[in-house]
Structure formats: structure tokens, C-alpha cells
């Protein structure tokens, strides 16, 4: 008994030391990747416009790509989807199922769409938006607007959940590195200042009334590389700001497919997971309205944009240093609130009704289309006058991902990066819901204008929404403490210069 008692006391003292902040086991950083196919069928609706269009051919697959990071305490997941956007209802259902199957909390799962205009069918509304609408409005929704395909929606749910669960179940001890590449030759601000004082979207190359670009671009190619402890590259994460509108003909992930192909080719790994999180690109596309040359063909454009972004990501991987364990803290923050809509005047709604009833032949296709959108917006406001929005931040070591649910103007993305204390800040648009275009206050002011500022059932948030998203993202990011950026070992102390090269010129 005398020998047992001291042993018991020693055990209690050891436990007390740990609970009081004594030595703790070393932190282990794990990561797992997965991808699942979500390629739509031929004949399904093609998104990216306000009217009906259907897929007639196939070019390259659409995917869900996921990565799970885990420090043993709080796993987080990043999910990139080759999809025009993702609805709030779909996100909530998927997050709940992920938590049920592998325990990752909803606020630690970021689900972002690439905004591919050549992807699967998904409608702009949420369940219940048009349940009490008039027969005319229901007809406009079902027969003259893109709608979600129920079977495809079920496929999306299953594949997103399965991708995250697979990534979680297959995570391994890993090292991580983060860096920024630079690519400024394939993205352009599509809004141009005009001589009349307004700003128009795509006024057209050669237009003599163009003064200059109305906004900047963001050339940063945010890049994460993840390796196992043997040095094998497990997967990458890429963040870049450019509309996914290089549709090469048929079903396609747009230039994201070309980017994936480039990185896989450069690394020699034909199955390497490449998780893409779309940056703030509400006003950014591959189209240069100040070009003096003819635009490339669709296939070539797909290759150029994806190829250059992919090449820059690979170049970045070659230079960044890797960290592991406690050097890579994980964290997440989330804020959910409601935002008001911009409301069309009664006169605008009345005029829209007359234009719709007259038909596109008499009203004109463009006028009829946006009159239809006014009636749809009027119906949505009656069903759902406020919009639930979410801004989320996920930290992975020295990088923070800051999300918003909009087609977000690039200036706001740059503002978030400037306001964040993290050495690497990757802004992710079209994440965890969809609120349409969210322009800057300037774009909605006296010298603004253009396509993105149109009032539709898709884009209608109050003028201050973009600033709300930015301020919230900065606040949430700065509540977290960045991890250290791994650096190379310091240079050895100076001993002597190189004898071959430290001498004056020899002329004789």
C-alpha cells in the first residue's frame, strides 16, 4: 500500500501540471482531399442567363473539390464547386448532413461556387419564393427562367457531403505552405468610364466614348500546397478573381478545368486535387474592352486563362516554405444577419406588367427580360422581404479565407485584404448562399450604372450591403491570430568572399 500511494500521488501531480498549463502533447496537423463528379446531363438547363438554355454537348467535367484540415480539435473544410452559384437552403442542408456524418461544425464549412456559366442547372430562388405568386409569375419562373433540376439538386447534396466526408476520413499528417502568385494578363475590369460620366458594362472594344476602366483588378493568385510527411504533394487550393465565362462549348468547369489540367501536368500527378475558391470578381472577366485585337476563340480562351493561372500557382508552390503541427492553427468565425432589398417603385412594376403582357416581340427581348425580372422581384419581396446573408472566416495557419454570398465587386475584395492583419487573405465570393451582384456604393451612385447595377430578382440588395460584408469580414478575420509564415533557415555567418569572382578586371 505504501508503494501504491506515492505512485498515485505522482499521477495526480502530473495531471495537475497539464491542467495548469504544463507540458502538452505536440499538435498534429492533418489534411485530406477529395473530389466528386457533378457533371450535368446533356439536355439539362444551362445557367448563366435570365432565360432558358439547354446543354447540347460536353467539353470537360464539373466537380466538387474539398479539403479538410484538422489540428485534432477543430477541423475545418473548404469546398469548391463547379457551379454558377449555391443557394442558402442547399448549404444549410449540406452542412447539417456533414456535421451528422463526420462532426465538422456548420460554421467551419465554407462552400463556394466557381460561377461557371457552363455548369449544372440551379435556379436563382429559394424554396417558397413563388408559392403564393400569381399564375403569370409562376409561368415566368417555370417556363421563362432557369430553374433547379430536382434530381440534379439531390446529386449536388450527395456529392458535396460525400466529398467532405471522404476528405475527413482520409486525412493524414501533413505540412502546409501558403503563397501569393501574380497574374495580370488574363483578367480585366469589365466596367468602363464613359464620356457621358456614367460607367457601363462591356461597352465594346473600339467604342470611342470609352474613357478608361472604371475599377481595378486583383492579380493575386492565392496558393496553398499540402504535402504528406514523405514530401508527396497531396493537393492544392487556388484563389483567383475572374468570372468563369470562358465557356469552351458545351458542359464545362470553364477555365477552372484548364487550370486544374495545367497544375496536374506541371506536377506530374494526373489525379492531383485542385480546390478552387473564386475571388471577388463581380466586375472582373477575361474580356478586355480596351483591346486592339480580336478576342481568342472560346477553346483558346479557356486554355489561356486557366493555363496562366495554373502556371502561376505552380510557380508559387516551388518557392513557398512548409510548416506543420502547431505552426498551423485552425479557427473559424461566422456572422449571419438580414439585409434589406432595393424595392422597385409601383410605377416600375406596373410598366413591367404591361411590357411582359405585350411579349418580347413587341417589347423587345432585353426590355421584356428585365420587365419579367421586375415582376419576379416584386413577388419575392412579398414572400421574403429580407435576405439572410452570411460572412464567414476560416483560418488555416497564416491564411484567412473571408467569404461573402455575392457576385462581389473586386474593390471590396481589395479593401478586405488591406484591412486584414493576416499575411495572406483570400476573399471567396458566392459562398454559403447567393445574393446576386453586390456593387460598390460608387457603382450605384450618380457616376455608376451598367449591367451589375440593374434591379432584378437576382440582384437587389441595399446599397450598403457590400460595405457591410467587407467590414464584417475584416472584423471576423482580425479576431483571430495568424499563424507564423515558415521561412528558410538563416544564412550562415559570413566567412570570406568567393575567390574566383572578387577581383578587379584583368585587361592584360
Protein backbone atom coordinates (compact mmCIF):
# COMPACT_ATOMS: atom_id res chain seq x y z
CA UNK A 1 0.00 0.00 0.00
CA UNK A 2 2.92 2.33 0.79
CA UNK A 3 4.30 1.87 -2.76
CA UNK A 4 0.91 2.42 -4.41
CA UNK A 5 0.21 5.71 -2.63
CA UNK A 6 3.32 7.59 -3.87
CA UNK A 7 2.62 6.37 -7.40
CA UNK A 8 -0.94 7.64 -7.16
CA UNK A 9 0.30 11.00 -5.89
CA UNK A 10 2.76 11.27 -8.79
CA UNK A 11 -0.04 10.59 -11.30
CA UNK A 12 -2.25 13.23 -9.70
CA UNK A 13 0.60 15.76 -9.75
CA UNK A 14 1.20 15.07 -13.46
CA UNK A 15 -2.46 15.58 -14.28
CA UNK A 16 -2.47 18.76 -12.23
CA UNK A 17 0.54 20.09 -14.15
CA UNK A 18 -1.15 19.50 -17.50
CA UNK A 19 -4.42 21.13 -16.41
CA UNK A 20 -2.48 24.09 -15.02
CA UNK A 21 -0.79 24.81 -18.31
CA UNK A 22 2.13 22.39 -18.06
CA UNK A 23 3.63 20.38 -20.96
CA UNK A 24 1.09 19.39 -23.61
CA UNK A 25 1.38 16.86 -26.40
CA UNK A 26 2.66 18.26 -29.69
CA UNK A 27 -0.07 19.44 -32.07
CA UNK A 28 -0.56 17.33 -35.16
CA UNK A 29 -1.75 18.89 -38.41
CA UNK A 30 -3.70 16.64 -40.76
CA UNK A 31 -5.28 17.20 -44.16
CA UNK A 32 -7.40 15.24 -46.58
CA UNK A 33 -8.63 15.97 -50.11
CA UNK A 34 -11.45 14.59 -52.24
CA UNK A 35 -13.29 15.30 -55.48
CA UNK A 36 -16.65 14.08 -56.75
CA UNK A 37 -18.28 14.40 -60.17
CA UNK A 38 -21.30 16.71 -60.63
CA UNK A 39 -21.31 16.88 -64.43
CA UNK A 40 -24.87 17.59 -65.63
CA UNK A 41 -26.55 15.52 -68.33
CA UNK A 42 -26.93 16.63 -71.92
CA UNK A 43 -30.32 18.33 -72.22
CA UNK A 44 -30.28 19.82 -68.74
CA UNK A 45 -30.66 23.57 -68.41
CA UNK A 46 -27.51 25.65 -68.77
CA UNK A 47 -27.27 28.51 -66.23
CA UNK A 48 -25.76 31.95 -66.54
CA UNK A 49 -28.58 33.93 -68.13
CA UNK A 50 -32.09 35.16 -67.34
CA UNK A 51 -33.75 32.86 -69.86
CA UNK A 52 -33.91 29.20 -70.87
CA UNK A 53 -30.93 27.45 -72.44
CA UNK A 54 -30.01 23.75 -72.57
CA UNK A 55 -26.76 21.81 -72.76
CA UNK A 56 -26.16 20.18 -76.14
CA UNK A 57 -22.57 18.91 -75.81
CA UNK A 58 -19.81 18.04 -73.35
CA UNK A 59 -16.36 19.59 -73.05
CA UNK A 60 -14.91 18.84 -69.62
CA UNK A 61 -16.30 17.57 -66.29
CA UNK A 62 -17.75 19.62 -63.45
CA UNK A 63 -16.69 18.66 -59.94
CA UNK A 64 -16.95 19.17 -56.23
CA UNK A 65 -13.47 19.56 -54.76
CA UNK A 66 -12.98 19.54 -50.98
CA UNK A 67 -10.19 19.74 -48.44
CA UNK A 68 -10.44 19.13 -44.70
CA UNK A 69 -7.80 20.48 -42.32
CA UNK A 70 -7.62 19.15 -38.76
CA UNK A 71 -5.49 20.09 -35.75
CA UNK A 72 -7.06 17.45 -33.52
CA UNK A 73 -9.51 19.91 -32.01
CA UNK A 74 -11.36 21.87 -34.64
CA UNK A 75 -11.49 20.52 -38.20
CA UNK A 76 -12.42 22.95 -40.98
CA UNK A 77 -13.48 22.29 -44.57
CA UNK A 78 -13.18 24.27 -47.80
CA UNK A 79 -15.45 23.16 -50.64
CA UNK A 80 -15.19 24.45 -54.21
CA UNK A 81 -17.99 23.63 -56.64
CA UNK A 82 -18.08 23.95 -60.43
CA UNK A 83 -21.47 25.65 -60.29
CA UNK A 84 -22.96 29.04 -61.17
CA UNK A 85 -23.80 29.64 -57.51
CA UNK A 86 -25.04 27.75 -54.46
CA UNK A 87 -28.33 28.54 -52.70
CA UNK A 88 -28.66 29.18 -48.98
CA UNK A 89 -31.10 26.32 -48.49
CA UNK A 90 -28.74 23.85 -50.17
CA UNK A 91 -25.82 25.00 -48.00
CA UNK A 92 -27.79 24.57 -44.78
CA UNK A 93 -28.92 21.05 -45.71
CA UNK A 94 -25.41 20.01 -46.74
CA UNK A 95 -23.77 21.42 -43.63
CA UNK A 96 -26.25 19.63 -41.37
CA UNK A 97 -25.53 16.30 -43.05
CA UNK A 98 -21.76 16.86 -42.88
CA UNK A 99 -21.99 17.50 -39.15
CA UNK A 100 -24.11 14.39 -38.71
CA UNK A 101 -21.70 12.15 -40.62
CA UNK A 102 -18.28 13.39 -39.52
CA UNK A 103 -18.79 16.01 -36.83
CA UNK A 104 -17.46 19.13 -38.59
CA UNK A 105 -19.50 22.07 -37.31
CA UNK A 106 -21.55 24.07 -39.84
CA UNK A 107 -19.68 27.31 -39.14
CA UNK A 108 -16.41 25.55 -40.03
CA UNK A 109 -17.55 24.51 -43.53
CA UNK A 110 -17.16 27.05 -46.36
CA UNK A 111 -18.95 26.14 -49.60
CA UNK A 112 -18.10 28.32 -52.58
CA UNK A 113 -19.19 28.20 -56.23
CA UNK A 114 -16.79 28.87 -59.11
CA UNK A 115 -19.53 30.69 -61.07
CA UNK A 116 -19.12 28.51 -64.14
CA UNK A 117 -21.67 29.61 -66.74
CA UNK A 118 -21.43 26.22 -68.41
CA UNK A 119 -22.26 24.07 -65.39
CA UNK A 120 -25.37 22.35 -63.99
CA UNK A 121 -28.94 23.64 -63.59
CA UNK A 122 -29.61 25.70 -60.49
CA UNK A 123 -32.35 28.31 -60.07
CA UNK A 124 -31.97 31.75 -58.56
CA UNK A 125 -34.73 31.45 -55.96
CA UNK A 126 -35.08 29.78 -52.58
CA UNK A 127 -37.87 27.34 -51.62
CA UNK A 128 -41.16 29.16 -51.10
CA UNK A 129 -40.27 32.33 -53.01
CA UNK A 130 -43.07 31.90 -55.53
CA UNK A 131 -45.55 29.61 -53.72
CA UNK A 132 -48.08 32.45 -53.37
CA UNK A 133 -47.24 34.23 -56.60
CA UNK A 134 -49.76 34.85 -59.37
CA UNK A 135 -50.20 32.32 -62.20
CA UNK A 136 -48.42 34.77 -64.53
CA UNK A 137 -45.37 34.99 -62.28
CA UNK A 138 -45.27 31.22 -61.80
CA UNK A 139 -45.32 30.81 -65.57
CA UNK A 140 -42.47 33.32 -65.93
CA UNK A 141 -40.44 31.38 -63.35
CA UNK A 142 -41.05 27.88 -64.67
CA UNK A 143 -41.13 28.48 -68.42
CA UNK A 144 -39.01 31.58 -68.99
CA UNK A 145 -36.29 31.41 -66.31
CA UNK A 146 -33.74 28.83 -65.31
CA UNK A 147 -34.97 26.50 -62.57
CA UNK A 148 -33.23 23.92 -60.42
CA UNK A 149 -33.50 20.32 -61.57
CA UNK A 150 -34.66 18.29 -58.52
CA UNK A 151 -32.64 15.23 -59.47
CA UNK A 152 -29.52 17.30 -60.05
CA UNK A 153 -30.01 19.09 -56.73
CA UNK A 154 -30.06 15.74 -54.96
CA UNK A 155 -26.85 14.79 -56.78
CA UNK A 156 -25.25 18.03 -55.62
CA UNK A 157 -26.18 17.39 -51.99
CA UNK A 158 -24.88 13.83 -52.07
CA UNK A 159 -21.61 14.63 -53.82
CA UNK A 160 -20.78 17.66 -51.66
CA UNK A 161 -21.37 15.71 -48.46
CA UNK A 162 -19.54 12.63 -49.72
CA UNK A 163 -16.55 14.73 -50.79
CA UNK A 164 -16.17 16.35 -47.36
CA UNK A 165 -16.70 13.08 -45.50
CA UNK A 166 -14.19 11.25 -47.73
CA UNK A 167 -11.64 14.03 -47.23
CA UNK A 168 -12.18 13.86 -43.47
CA UNK A 169 -11.88 10.08 -43.29
CA UNK A 170 -8.70 10.08 -45.40
CA UNK A 171 -6.80 12.90 -43.72
CA UNK A 172 -3.14 12.24 -42.94
CA UNK A 173 -0.31 14.02 -41.12
CA UNK A 174 0.70 16.86 -43.39
CA UNK A 175 2.71 20.01 -43.99
CA UNK A 176 1.30 23.20 -45.49
CA UNK A 177 2.66 26.21 -47.32
CA UNK A 178 0.94 29.41 -48.45
CA UNK A 179 1.98 31.99 -51.03
CA UNK A 180 0.78 34.62 -53.48
CA UNK A 181 1.44 34.46 -57.20
CA UNK A 182 0.80 37.31 -59.64
CA UNK A 183 -1.14 37.07 -62.90
CA UNK A 184 -2.29 40.30 -64.56
CA UNK A 185 -2.68 39.36 -68.24
CA UNK A 186 -5.96 37.40 -68.26
CA UNK A 187 -8.44 39.39 -66.15
CA UNK A 188 -9.95 42.81 -66.81
CA UNK A 189 -12.48 45.09 -65.18
CA UNK A 190 -15.49 44.93 -67.50
CA UNK A 191 -16.87 48.28 -66.35
CA UNK A 192 -15.63 51.31 -68.27
CA UNK A 193 -15.99 55.02 -67.59
CA UNK A 194 -17.74 56.78 -70.45
CA UNK A 195 -17.64 60.34 -71.74
CA UNK A 196 -21.20 60.91 -70.50
CA UNK A 197 -19.99 60.49 -66.90
CA UNK A 198 -21.52 57.05 -66.35
CA UNK A 199 -19.90 53.62 -66.12
CA UNK A 200 -21.09 50.89 -68.49
CA UNK A 201 -20.50 47.15 -68.57
CA UNK A 202 -18.88 45.82 -71.74
CA UNK A 203 -19.31 48.95 -73.89
CA UNK A 204 -17.29 47.16 -76.57
CA UNK A 205 -13.74 47.32 -77.85
CA UNK A 206 -13.16 50.31 -80.10
CA UNK A 207 -16.01 52.34 -78.60
CA UNK A 208 -14.89 55.99 -78.99
CA UNK A 209 -16.86 57.04 -75.90
CA UNK A 210 -14.74 54.96 -73.50
CA UNK A 211 -12.50 56.99 -71.17
CA UNK A 212 -10.87 54.26 -69.05
CA UNK A 213 -11.52 51.29 -66.80
CA UNK A 214 -13.97 52.09 -64.02
CA UNK A 215 -12.27 49.85 -61.48
CA UNK A 216 -9.20 47.73 -60.71
CA UNK A 217 -8.44 44.02 -61.00
CA UNK A 218 -6.91 41.71 -58.39
CA UNK A 219 -3.92 39.87 -59.91
CA UNK A 220 -3.18 37.83 -56.77
CA UNK A 221 -3.10 34.05 -57.28
CA UNK A 222 -3.56 32.78 -53.73
CA UNK A 223 -1.96 29.36 -53.48
CA UNK A 224 -1.84 26.66 -50.83
CA UNK A 225 0.17 23.47 -51.15
CA UNK A 226 -0.26 20.47 -48.86
CA UNK A 227 2.31 17.63 -48.60
CA UNK A 228 2.43 14.43 -46.57
CA UNK A 229 5.40 13.88 -44.26
CA UNK A 230 7.23 11.98 -47.02
CA UNK A 231 7.11 15.02 -49.29
CA UNK A 232 4.32 13.87 -51.61
CA UNK A 233 2.03 16.67 -52.78
CA UNK A 234 -1.48 15.80 -51.56
CA UNK A 235 -3.39 18.69 -53.11
CA UNK A 236 -3.59 22.42 -53.69
CA UNK A 237 -6.01 25.28 -53.07
CA UNK A 238 -6.15 28.20 -55.51
CA UNK A 239 -7.92 31.56 -55.14
CA UNK A 240 -8.20 33.99 -58.08
CA UNK A 241 -10.65 36.68 -59.19
CA UNK A 242 -12.12 36.18 -62.67
CA UNK A 243 -15.59 35.32 -63.95
CA UNK A 244 -15.82 31.69 -65.09
CA UNK A 245 -17.13 32.69 -68.51
CA UNK A 246 -14.54 31.18 -70.84
CA UNK A 247 -17.16 28.67 -71.91
CA UNK A 248 -15.35 26.48 -74.48
CA UNK A 249 -18.56 25.00 -75.87
CA UNK A 250 -20.76 22.54 -74.02
CA UNK A 251 -20.70 21.43 -70.40
CA UNK A 252 -17.56 22.72 -68.72
CA UNK A 253 -15.98 23.88 -65.47
CA UNK A 254 -14.85 26.90 -67.56
CA UNK A 255 -11.21 27.95 -67.18
CA UNK A 256 -11.01 26.20 -63.80
CA UNK A 257 -10.82 22.91 -65.71
CA UNK A 258 -7.88 24.21 -67.73
CA UNK A 259 -6.18 25.45 -64.55
CA UNK A 260 -6.54 22.02 -62.97
CA UNK A 261 -5.10 20.36 -66.07
CA UNK A 262 -2.12 22.74 -66.03
CA UNK A 263 -1.27 22.15 -62.37
CA UNK A 264 -1.65 18.39 -62.77
CA UNK A 265 0.60 18.42 -65.81
CA UNK A 266 3.25 20.55 -64.12
CA UNK A 267 3.34 18.37 -61.01
CA UNK A 268 3.20 15.10 -62.95
CA UNK A 269 0.19 13.99 -60.91
CA UNK A 270 -2.79 13.33 -63.18
CA UNK A 271 -5.16 12.95 -60.21
CA UNK A 272 -3.96 15.82 -58.02
CA UNK A 273 -6.89 17.51 -56.23
CA UNK A 274 -7.12 21.25 -57.03
CA UNK A 275 -9.67 23.05 -54.84
CA UNK A 276 -10.67 26.37 -56.41
CA UNK A 277 -12.26 29.17 -54.38
CA UNK A 278 -13.47 32.04 -56.56
CA UNK A 279 -12.24 35.52 -55.63
CA UNK A 280 -14.16 38.81 -55.74
CA UNK A 281 -14.95 39.02 -59.46
CA UNK A 282 -18.38 40.62 -59.77
CA UNK A 283 -16.91 43.13 -62.24
CA UNK A 284 -13.96 41.06 -63.49
CA UNK A 285 -13.90 38.87 -66.63
CA UNK A 286 -11.42 37.69 -69.26
CA UNK A 287 -12.77 40.26 -71.73
CA UNK A 288 -10.70 43.39 -72.31
CA UNK A 289 -12.87 46.21 -73.61
CA UNK A 290 -9.76 48.27 -74.42
CA UNK A 291 -8.10 45.62 -76.57
CA UNK A 292 -6.96 46.47 -80.08
CA UNK A 293 -7.12 42.87 -81.18
CA UNK A 294 -9.72 40.22 -81.87
CA UNK A 295 -10.67 38.02 -78.92
CA UNK A 296 -9.39 34.42 -78.90
CA UNK A 297 -11.70 31.58 -79.86
CA UNK A 298 -13.57 30.02 -76.92
CA UNK A 299 -11.35 26.94 -76.65
CA UNK A 300 -8.18 29.03 -76.78
CA UNK A 301 -9.54 31.49 -74.21
CA UNK A 302 -10.35 28.57 -71.86
CA UNK A 303 -6.78 27.39 -72.26
CA UNK A 304 -5.13 30.80 -71.88
CA UNK A 305 -6.86 31.87 -68.68
CA UNK A 306 -6.69 28.53 -66.91
CA UNK A 307 -3.20 27.81 -68.19
CA UNK A 308 -1.70 31.06 -66.97
CA UNK A 309 -3.41 30.95 -63.56
CA UNK A 310 -2.42 27.31 -63.12
CA UNK A 311 1.17 28.00 -64.17
CA UNK A 312 1.42 30.86 -61.69
CA UNK A 313 0.04 28.68 -58.89
CA UNK A 314 2.65 26.01 -59.69
CA UNK A 315 5.46 28.58 -59.74
CA UNK A 316 4.31 29.76 -56.32
CA UNK A 317 4.38 26.20 -54.96
CA UNK A 318 8.07 25.96 -55.88
CA UNK A 319 9.12 28.86 -53.65
CA UNK A 320 6.97 28.69 -50.52
CA UNK A 321 8.19 27.04 -47.30
CA UNK A 322 6.28 24.33 -45.47
CA UNK A 323 5.08 24.32 -41.88
CA UNK A 324 3.49 21.63 -39.72
CA UNK A 325 1.89 20.89 -36.35
CA UNK A 326 1.41 23.84 -34.02
CA UNK A 327 2.64 26.22 -36.74
CA UNK A 328 -0.75 25.84 -38.45
CA UNK A 329 -3.55 26.93 -36.10
CA UNK A 330 -7.12 26.44 -37.34
CA UNK A 331 -10.06 28.66 -36.47
CA UNK A 332 -13.33 29.94 -37.88
CA UNK A 333 -15.82 32.75 -37.32
CA UNK A 334 -19.29 33.40 -38.71
CA UNK A 335 -21.90 36.13 -38.69
CA UNK A 336 -25.43 35.68 -40.06
CA UNK A 337 -27.86 38.59 -40.37
CA UNK A 338 -30.51 40.00 -42.69
CA UNK A 339 -30.12 42.70 -45.32
CA UNK A 340 -32.82 44.83 -46.94
CA UNK A 341 -33.61 44.75 -50.64
CA UNK A 342 -33.87 47.63 -53.08
CA UNK A 343 -37.55 47.86 -53.96
CA UNK A 344 -38.92 48.77 -57.41
CA UNK A 345 -41.43 51.63 -57.49
CA UNK A 346 -45.12 50.83 -58.13
CA UNK A 347 -44.79 52.60 -61.47
CA UNK A 348 -41.88 50.37 -62.46
CA UNK A 349 -43.87 47.25 -61.54
CA UNK A 350 -46.92 48.47 -63.46
CA UNK A 351 -44.87 49.25 -66.56
CA UNK A 352 -43.15 45.87 -66.29
CA UNK A 353 -46.51 44.10 -66.27
CA UNK A 354 -47.55 45.88 -69.46
CA UNK A 355 -44.24 45.00 -71.20
CA UNK A 356 -44.47 41.35 -70.19
CA UNK A 357 -48.06 41.03 -71.39
CA UNK A 358 -47.11 42.63 -74.72
CA UNK A 359 -44.50 39.91 -75.26
CA UNK A 360 -40.82 40.07 -76.32
CA UNK A 361 -41.72 40.58 -79.98
CA UNK A 362 -43.40 43.93 -79.27
CA UNK A 363 -41.49 44.98 -76.15
CA UNK A 364 -38.04 43.93 -77.34
CA UNK A 365 -36.12 40.98 -75.92
CA UNK A 366 -33.96 42.92 -73.45
CA UNK A 367 -36.82 45.13 -72.24
CA UNK A 368 -39.10 42.10 -71.85
CA UNK A 369 -36.44 40.11 -69.96
CA UNK A 370 -35.85 42.77 -67.34
CA UNK A 371 -39.56 43.54 -67.09
CA UNK A 372 -40.00 39.86 -66.25
CA UNK A 373 -37.29 40.23 -63.61
CA UNK A 374 -39.12 43.18 -62.06
CA UNK A 375 -42.28 41.10 -61.65
CA UNK A 376 -40.29 38.23 -60.14
CA UNK A 377 -38.60 40.61 -57.72
CA UNK A 378 -41.94 42.08 -56.71
CA UNK A 379 -43.17 38.56 -55.88
CA UNK A 380 -40.01 37.66 -53.93
CA UNK A 381 -40.25 40.83 -51.84
CA UNK A 382 -43.75 39.85 -50.74
CA UNK A 383 -42.55 36.37 -49.73
CA UNK A 384 -39.10 37.23 -48.37
CA UNK A 385 -38.56 40.99 -47.88
CA UNK A 386 -35.25 40.50 -46.06
CA UNK A 387 -32.32 38.39 -47.27
CA UNK A 388 -30.36 36.18 -44.88
CA UNK A 389 -26.65 36.63 -45.51
CA UNK A 390 -23.53 35.06 -44.04
CA UNK A 391 -19.95 36.25 -43.84
CA UNK A 392 -17.54 33.58 -42.68
CA UNK A 393 -13.82 33.44 -41.97
CA UNK A 394 -11.75 30.27 -41.87
CA UNK A 395 -8.13 30.37 -40.74
CA UNK A 396 -5.55 27.85 -41.87
CA UNK A 397 -2.23 28.89 -40.33
CA UNK A 398 -1.10 32.21 -41.83
CA UNK A 399 -4.01 32.47 -44.29
CA UNK A 400 -7.60 33.52 -43.70
CA UNK A 401 -10.43 32.84 -46.14
CA UNK A 402 -13.10 35.58 -45.98
CA UNK A 403 -16.41 34.71 -47.63
CA UNK A 404 -19.45 36.56 -48.93
CA UNK A 405 -22.56 35.33 -50.76
CA UNK A 406 -22.41 37.80 -53.65
CA UNK A 407 -21.00 38.41 -57.06
CA UNK A 408 -18.77 40.82 -55.24
CA UNK A 409 -17.03 43.83 -56.76
CA UNK A 410 -13.26 43.47 -56.73
CA UNK A 411 -12.67 46.76 -54.90
CA UNK A 412 -14.33 45.32 -51.82
CA UNK A 413 -12.07 42.28 -52.04
CA UNK A 414 -9.02 44.55 -52.15
CA UNK A 415 -10.39 46.52 -49.18
CA UNK A 416 -10.73 43.32 -47.15
CA UNK A 417 -7.15 42.32 -47.94
CA UNK A 418 -5.92 45.78 -46.92
CA UNK A 419 -7.87 45.66 -43.63
CA UNK A 420 -6.90 42.13 -42.62
CA UNK A 421 -3.93 41.62 -40.30
CA UNK A 422 -3.20 38.22 -41.85
CA UNK A 423 -0.14 37.91 -44.09
CA UNK A 424 -2.36 36.06 -46.58
CA UNK A 425 -6.04 36.91 -47.07
CA UNK A 426 -8.09 35.04 -49.68
CA UNK A 427 -11.53 36.53 -50.40
CA UNK A 428 -14.15 34.00 -51.52
CA UNK A 429 -17.33 35.15 -53.26
CA UNK A 430 -20.53 33.20 -53.98
CA UNK A 431 -20.07 31.23 -50.76
CA UNK A 432 -22.74 29.81 -48.45
CA UNK A 433 -25.62 31.38 -50.37
CA UNK A 434 -26.41 33.71 -53.26
CA UNK A 435 -27.43 37.38 -53.28
CA UNK A 436 -26.55 38.31 -56.86
CA UNK A 437 -24.39 41.27 -57.82
CA UNK A 438 -23.29 43.49 -54.95
CA UNK A 439 -21.70 46.61 -56.47
CA UNK A 440 -19.80 49.36 -54.69
CA UNK A 441 -21.62 52.47 -53.49
CA UNK A 442 -19.87 54.33 -56.31
CA UNK A 443 -21.30 52.00 -58.94
CA UNK A 444 -24.78 52.64 -57.56
CA UNK A 445 -24.18 56.41 -57.40
CA UNK A 446 -24.56 59.25 -59.91
CA UNK A 447 -21.50 58.19 -61.94
CA UNK A 448 -22.28 54.49 -61.83
CA UNK A 449 -24.58 52.32 -63.88
CA UNK A 450 -24.09 49.25 -66.03
CA UNK A 451 -25.37 45.70 -66.02
CA UNK A 452 -24.40 44.83 -62.45
CA UNK A 453 -26.49 47.66 -61.01
CA UNK A 454 -29.73 46.54 -62.69
CA UNK A 455 -32.55 45.79 -60.26
CA UNK A 456 -33.63 42.16 -60.78
CA UNK A 457 -34.89 39.18 -58.83
CA UNK A 458 -31.24 38.11 -58.67
CA UNK A 459 -29.50 41.38 -57.74
CA UNK A 460 -31.34 43.68 -55.37
CA UNK A 461 -29.56 44.19 -52.03
CA UNK A 462 -29.48 47.64 -50.45
CA UNK A 463 -26.65 49.98 -51.45
CA UNK A 464 -24.69 49.47 -48.22
CA UNK A 465 -24.63 45.64 -48.45
CA UNK A 466 -21.15 45.40 -49.95
CA UNK A 467 -19.64 47.59 -47.28
CA UNK A 468 -21.43 45.54 -44.61
CA UNK A 469 -19.85 42.38 -46.00
CA UNK A 470 -16.38 43.93 -46.10
CA UNK A 471 -16.49 45.43 -42.61
CA UNK A 472 -17.81 42.19 -41.15
CA UNK A 473 -15.19 40.09 -42.91
CA UNK A 474 -12.37 42.33 -41.67
CA UNK A 475 -13.74 42.29 -38.13
CA UNK A 476 -14.07 38.49 -38.03
CA UNK A 477 -10.62 37.95 -39.57
CA UNK A 478 -8.95 40.24 -37.07
CA UNK A 479 -10.48 38.38 -34.14
CA UNK A 480 -8.11 35.50 -34.97
CA UNK A 481 -4.35 35.28 -34.54
CA UNK A 482 -2.38 34.49 -37.72
CA UNK A 483 -0.03 31.53 -37.71
CA UNK A 484 3.62 32.06 -38.46
CA UNK A 485 4.83 32.11 -42.05
CA UNK A 486 7.57 29.47 -42.38
CA UNK A 487 10.89 30.96 -43.50
CA UNK A 488 14.08 29.39 -44.86
CA UNK A 489 16.93 28.85 -42.38
CA UNK A 490 19.05 31.99 -41.88
CA UNK A 491 22.18 32.39 -43.96
CA UNK A 492 25.40 31.18 -42.26
CA UNK A 493 27.77 33.81 -40.82
CA UNK A 494 29.99 35.47 -43.41
CA UNK A 495 33.45 33.92 -43.69
CA UNK A 496 35.10 35.01 -46.93
CA UNK A 497 34.11 36.17 -50.45
CA UNK A 498 34.28 33.86 -53.47
CA UNK A 499 37.92 33.78 -54.54
CA UNK A 500 37.04 33.26 -58.21
CA UNK A 501 34.97 36.41 -58.51
CA UNK A 502 36.21 39.10 -56.10
CA UNK A 503 38.91 40.86 -58.06
CA UNK A 504 39.31 43.85 -60.44
CA UNK A 505 39.05 43.43 -64.23
CA UNK A 506 42.01 41.83 -65.96
CA UNK A 507 42.95 43.66 -69.17
CA UNK A 508 46.31 42.03 -69.91
